[in-house]
């Protein structure tokens, strides 16, 4: 794992924290928050996989 890979992982985790904090600001129920978190996580995972296939 190179230094750039570490930076990318930290950035992705930061984005997920940002999305999670935005969802908590809406004061949704726990069930709905988890559903949205799984949806966003799936979108990010799909984007990473597609980028990995193309690059």
PDB file of N, CA and C in Angstrom:
ATOM      1  N   UNK A   1       0.846  -1.171   0.000  1.00  0.00           N
ATOM      2  CA  UNK A   1       0.000   0.000   0.000  1.00  0.00           C
ATOM      3  C   UNK A   1       0.893   1.237   0.000  1.00  0.00           C
ATOM      4  N   UNK A   2       0.673   2.094  -0.955  1.00  0.00           N
ATOM      5  CA  UNK A   2       1.497   3.289  -1.059  1.00  0.00           C
ATOM      6  C   UNK A   2       0.914   4.427  -0.216  1.00  0.00           C
ATOM      7  N   UNK A   3       1.642   5.514  -0.170  1.00  0.00           N
ATOM      8  CA  UNK A   3       1.201   6.677   0.599  1.00  0.00           C
ATOM      9  C   UNK A   3      -0.079   7.267   0.003  1.00  0.00           C
ATOM     10  N   UNK A   4      -0.182   7.242  -1.328  1.00  0.00           N
ATOM     11  CA  UNK A   4      -1.378   7.791  -1.979  1.00  0.00           C
ATOM     12  C   UNK A   4      -2.617   6.943  -1.693  1.00  0.00           C
ATOM     13  N   UNK A   5      -2.437   5.620  -1.586  1.00  0.00           N
ATOM     14  CA  UNK A   5      -3.570   4.764  -1.241  1.00  0.00           C
ATOM     15  C   UNK A   5      -4.096   5.097   0.141  1.00  0.00           C
ATOM     16  N   UNK A   6      -3.198   5.348   1.064  1.00  0.00           N
ATOM     17  CA  UNK A   6      -3.592   5.703   2.424  1.00  0.00           C
ATOM     18  C   UNK A   6      -4.368   7.015   2.432  1.00  0.00           C
ATOM     19  N   UNK A   7      -3.907   7.979   1.658  1.00  0.00           N
ATOM     20  CA  UNK A   7      -4.605   9.264   1.585  1.00  0.00           C
ATOM     21  C   UNK A   7      -5.999   9.086   0.999  1.00  0.00           C
ATOM     22  N   UNK A   8      -6.135   8.251  -0.013  1.00  0.00           N
ATOM     23  CA  UNK A   8      -7.449   8.017  -0.624  1.00  0.00           C
ATOM     24  C   UNK A   8      -8.402   7.352   0.362  1.00  0.00           C
ATOM     25  N   UNK A   9      -7.901   6.399   1.125  1.00  0.00           N
ATOM     26  CA  UNK A   9      -8.751   5.715   2.099  1.00  0.00           C
ATOM     27  C   UNK A   9      -9.207   6.697   3.180  1.00  0.00           C
ATOM     28  N   UNK A  10      -8.301   7.525   3.647  1.00  0.00           N
ATOM     29  CA  UNK A  10      -8.658   8.525   4.660  1.00  0.00           C
ATOM     30  C   UNK A  10      -9.689   9.501   4.100  1.00  0.00           C
ATOM     31  N   UNK A  11      -9.526   9.902   2.842  1.00  0.00           N
ATOM     32  CA  UNK A  11     -10.483  10.822   2.221  1.00  0.00           C
ATOM     33  C   UNK A  11     -11.857  10.167   2.096  1.00  0.00           C
ATOM     34  N   UNK A  12     -11.908   8.908   1.686  1.00  0.00           N
ATOM     35  CA  UNK A  12     -13.193   8.217   1.568  1.00  0.00           C
ATOM     36  C   UNK A  12     -13.886   8.074   2.919  1.00  0.00           C
ATOM     37  N   UNK A  13     -13.122   7.753   3.937  1.00  0.00           N
ATOM     38  CA  UNK A  13     -13.706   7.661   5.280  1.00  0.00           C
ATOM     39  C   UNK A  13     -14.223   9.026   5.716  1.00  0.00           C
ATOM     40  N   UNK A  14     -13.482  10.075   5.384  1.00  0.00           N
ATOM     41  CA  UNK A  14     -13.931  11.431   5.711  1.00  0.00           C
ATOM     42  C   UNK A  14     -15.240  11.779   5.031  1.00  0.00           C
ATOM     43  N   UNK A  15     -15.370  11.403   3.759  1.00  0.00           N
ATOM     44  CA  UNK A  15     -16.627  11.651   3.046  1.00  0.00           C
ATOM     45  C   UNK A  15     -17.775  10.878   3.679  1.00  0.00           C
ATOM     46  N   UNK A  16     -17.527   9.632   4.072  1.00  0.00           N
ATOM     47  CA  UNK A  16     -18.583   8.850   4.715  1.00  0.00           C
ATOM     48  C   UNK A  16     -18.986   9.458   6.052  1.00  0.00           C
ATOM     49  N   UNK A  17     -18.036   9.976   6.802  1.00  0.00           N
ATOM     50  CA  UNK A  17     -18.358  10.653   8.063  1.00  0.00           C
ATOM     51  C   UNK A  17     -19.178  11.908   7.790  1.00  0.00           C
ATOM     52  N   UNK A  18     -18.815  12.642   6.749  1.00  0.00           N
ATOM     53  CA  UNK A  18     -19.559  13.846   6.388  1.00  0.00           C
ATOM     54  C   UNK A  18     -21.008  13.509   6.021  1.00  0.00           C
ATOM     55  N   UNK A  19     -21.196  12.464   5.238  1.00  0.00           N
ATOM     56  CA  UNK A  19     -22.546  12.038   4.860  1.00  0.00           C
ATOM     57  C   UNK A  19     -23.321  11.583   6.090  1.00  0.00           C
ATOM     58  N   UNK A  20     -22.654  10.828   6.955  1.00  0.00           N
ATOM     59  CA  UNK A  20     -23.312  10.361   8.172  1.00  0.00           C
ATOM     60  C   UNK A  20     -23.732  11.499   9.083  1.00  0.00           C
ATOM     61  N   UNK A  21     -22.877  12.501   9.210  1.00  0.00           N
ATOM     62  CA  UNK A  21     -23.237  13.637  10.060  1.00  0.00           C
ATOM     63  C   UNK A  21     -24.369  14.457   9.451  1.00  0.00           C
ATOM     64  N   UNK A  22     -24.407  14.539   8.123  1.00  0.00           N
ATOM     65  CA  UNK A  22     -25.516  15.242   7.474  1.00  0.00           C
ATOM     66  C   UNK A  22     -26.831  14.509   7.708  1.00  0.00           C
ATOM     67  N   UNK A  23     -26.778  13.193   7.672  1.00  0.00           N
ATOM     68  CA  UNK A  23     -28.002  12.424   7.921  1.00  0.00           C
ATOM     69  C   UNK A  23     -28.477  12.572   9.360  1.00  0.00           C
ATOM     70  N   UNK A  24     -27.547  12.623  10.303  1.00  0.00           N
ATOM     71  CA  UNK A  24     -27.968  12.791  11.695  1.00  0.00           C
ATOM     72  C   UNK A  24     -28.537  14.186  11.941  1.00  0.00           C
ATOM     73  N   UNK A  25     -28.140  15.155  11.142  1.00  0.00           N
ATOM     74  CA  UNK A  25     -28.682  16.505  11.296  1.00  0.00           C
ATOM     75  C   UNK A  25     -30.175  16.550  10.965  1.00  0.00           C
ATOM     76  N   UNK A  26     -30.632  15.637  10.119  1.00  0.00           N
ATOM     77  CA  UNK A  26     -32.057  15.576   9.784  1.00  0.00           C
ATOM     78  C   UNK A  26     -32.878  14.871  10.863  1.00  0.00           C
ATOM     79  N   UNK A  27     -32.199  14.284  11.836  1.00  0.00           N
ATOM     80  CA  UNK A  27     -32.847  13.582  12.947  1.00  0.00           C
ATOM     81  C   UNK A  27     -33.824  12.520  12.466  1.00  0.00           C
ATOM     82  N   UNK A  28     -33.319  11.679  11.585  1.00  0.00           N
ATOM     83  CA  UNK A  28     -34.119  10.568  11.084  1.00  0.00           C
ATOM     84  C   UNK A  28     -34.110   9.439  12.105  1.00  0.00           C
ATOM     85  N   UNK A  29     -35.016   8.494  11.908  1.00  0.00           N
ATOM     86  CA  UNK A  29     -35.026   7.339  12.788  1.00  0.00           C
ATOM     87  C   UNK A  29     -33.777   6.487  12.523  1.00  0.00           C
ATOM     88  N   UNK A  30     -33.414   5.648  13.496  1.00  0.00           N
ATOM     89  CA  UNK A  30     -32.232   4.809  13.338  1.00  0.00           C
ATOM     90  C   UNK A  30     -32.364   3.888  12.139  1.00  0.00           C
ATOM     91  N   UNK A  31     -33.547   3.342  11.936  1.00  0.00           N
ATOM     92  CA  UNK A  31     -33.755   2.410  10.820  1.00  0.00           C
ATOM     93  C   UNK A  31     -33.528   3.113   9.485  1.00  0.00           C
ATOM     94  N   UNK A  32     -34.097   4.270   9.321  1.00  0.00           N
ATOM     95  CA  UNK A  32     -33.949   5.017   8.070  1.00  0.00           C
ATOM     96  C   UNK A  32     -32.500   5.468   7.871  1.00  0.00           C
ATOM     97  N   UNK A  33     -31.832   5.876   8.958  1.00  0.00           N
ATOM     98  CA  UNK A  33     -30.429   6.287   8.862  1.00  0.00           C
ATOM     99  C   UNK A  33     -29.547   5.133   8.403  1.00  0.00           C
ATOM    100  N   UNK A  34     -29.783   3.950   8.940  1.00  0.00           N
ATOM    101  CA  UNK A  34     -28.995   2.782   8.538  1.00  0.00           C
ATOM    102  C   UNK A  34     -29.246   2.433   7.080  1.00  0.00           C
ATOM    103  N   UNK A  35     -30.495   2.533   6.645  1.00  0.00           N
ATOM    104  CA  UNK A  35     -30.817   2.264   5.242  1.00  0.00           C
ATOM    105  C   UNK A  35     -30.087   3.245   4.335  1.00  0.00           C
ATOM    106  N   UNK A  36     -30.120   4.530   4.682  1.00  0.00           N
ATOM    107  CA  UNK A  36     -29.421   5.532   3.869  1.00  0.00           C
ATOM    108  C   UNK A  36     -27.911   5.311   3.896  1.00  0.00           C
ATOM    109  N   UNK A  37     -27.388   4.936   5.055  1.00  0.00           N
ATOM    110  CA  UNK A  37     -25.958   4.675   5.168  1.00  0.00           C
ATOM    111  C   UNK A  37     -25.553   3.504   4.268  1.00  0.00           C
ATOM    112  N   UNK A  38     -26.362   2.468   4.235  1.00  0.00           N
ATOM    113  CA  UNK A  38     -26.073   1.327   3.358  1.00  0.00           C
ATOM    114  C   UNK A  38     -26.168   1.721   1.884  1.00  0.00           C
ATOM    115  N   UNK A  39     -27.130   2.554   1.550  1.00  0.00           N
ATOM    116  CA  UNK A  39     -27.260   3.010   0.164  1.00  0.00           C
ATOM    117  C   UNK A  39     -26.042   3.812  -0.247  1.00  0.00           C
ATOM    118  N   UNK A  40     -25.635   4.779   0.578  1.00  0.00           N
ATOM    119  CA  UNK A  40     -24.461   5.596   0.249  1.00  0.00           C
ATOM    120  C   UNK A  40     -23.197   4.753   0.212  1.00  0.00           C
ATOM    121  N   UNK A  41     -23.073   3.832   1.146  1.00  0.00           N
ATOM    122  CA  UNK A  41     -21.912   2.937   1.143  1.00  0.00           C
ATOM    123  C   UNK A  41     -21.850   2.106  -0.124  1.00  0.00           C
ATOM    124  N   UNK A  42     -23.015   1.655  -0.594  1.00  0.00           N
ATOM    125  CA  UNK A  42     -23.074   0.886  -1.838  1.00  0.00           C
ATOM    126  C   UNK A  42     -22.690   1.746  -3.037  1.00  0.00           C
ATOM    127  N   UNK A  43     -23.140   2.982  -3.038  1.00  0.00           N
ATOM    128  CA  UNK A  43     -22.794   3.888  -4.144  1.00  0.00           C
ATOM    129  C   UNK A  43     -21.291   4.119  -4.178  1.00  0.00           C
ATOM    130  N   UNK A  44     -20.680   4.393  -3.020  1.00  0.00           N
ATOM    131  CA  UNK A  44     -19.232   4.611  -2.974  1.00  0.00           C
ATOM    132  C   UNK A  44     -18.475   3.340  -3.367  1.00  0.00           C
ATOM    133  N   UNK A  45     -18.932   2.185  -2.888  1.00  0.00           N
ATOM    134  CA  UNK A  45     -18.258   0.928  -3.215  1.00  0.00           C
ATOM    135  C   UNK A  45     -18.348   0.656  -4.720  1.00  0.00           C
ATOM    136  N   UNK A  46     -19.502   0.900  -5.311  1.00  0.00           N
ATOM    137  CA  UNK A  46     -19.662   0.712  -6.745  1.00  0.00           C
ATOM    138  C   UNK A  46     -18.759   1.662  -7.530  1.00  0.00           C
ATOM    139  N   UNK A  47     -18.666   2.909  -7.082  1.00  0.00           N
ATOM    140  CA  UNK A  47     -17.801   3.872  -7.755  1.00  0.00           C
ATOM    141  C   UNK A  47     -16.335   3.445  -7.673  1.00  0.00           C
ATOM    142  N   UNK A  48     -15.921   2.955  -6.509  1.00  0.00           N
ATOM    143  CA  UNK A  48     -14.536   2.492  -6.348  1.00  0.00           C
ATOM    144  C   UNK A  48     -14.274   1.292  -7.242  1.00  0.00           C
ATOM    145  N   UNK A  49     -15.213   0.353  -7.294  1.00  0.00           N
ATOM    146  CA  UNK A  49     -15.047  -0.828  -8.136  1.00  0.00           C
ATOM    147  C   UNK A  49     -14.991  -0.456  -9.621  1.00  0.00           C
ATOM    148  N   UNK A  50     -15.871   0.429 -10.043  1.00  0.00           N
ATOM    149  CA  UNK A  50     -15.853   0.850 -11.456  1.00  0.00           C
ATOM    150  C   UNK A  50     -14.573   1.586 -11.799  1.00  0.00           C
ATOM    151  N   UNK A  51     -14.118   2.430 -10.895  1.00  0.00           N
ATOM    152  CA  UNK A  51     -12.866   3.153 -11.126  1.00  0.00           C
ATOM    153  C   UNK A  51     -11.693   2.174 -11.189  1.00  0.00           C
ATOM    154  N   UNK A  52     -11.736   1.145 -10.352  1.00  0.00           N
ATOM    155  CA  UNK A  52     -10.675   0.139 -10.353  1.00  0.00           C
ATOM    156  C   UNK A  52     -10.653  -0.666 -11.638  1.00  0.00           C
ATOM    157  N   UNK A  53     -11.817  -0.920 -12.209  1.00  0.00           N
ATOM    158  CA  UNK A  53     -11.882  -1.660 -13.465  1.00  0.00           C
ATOM    159  C   UNK A  53     -11.402  -0.820 -14.644  1.00  0.00           C
ATOM    160  N   UNK A  54     -11.703   0.453 -14.620  1.00  0.00           N
ATOM    161  CA  UNK A  54     -11.333   1.347 -15.730  1.00  0.00           C
ATOM    162  C   UNK A  54      -9.853   1.697 -15.665  1.00  0.00           C
ATOM    163  N   UNK A  55      -9.366   1.975 -14.464  1.00  0.00           N
ATOM    164  CA  UNK A  55      -7.977   2.444 -14.323  1.00  0.00           C
ATOM    165  C   UNK A  55      -6.988   1.312 -14.379  1.00  0.00           C
TER     166      UNK A  55
END
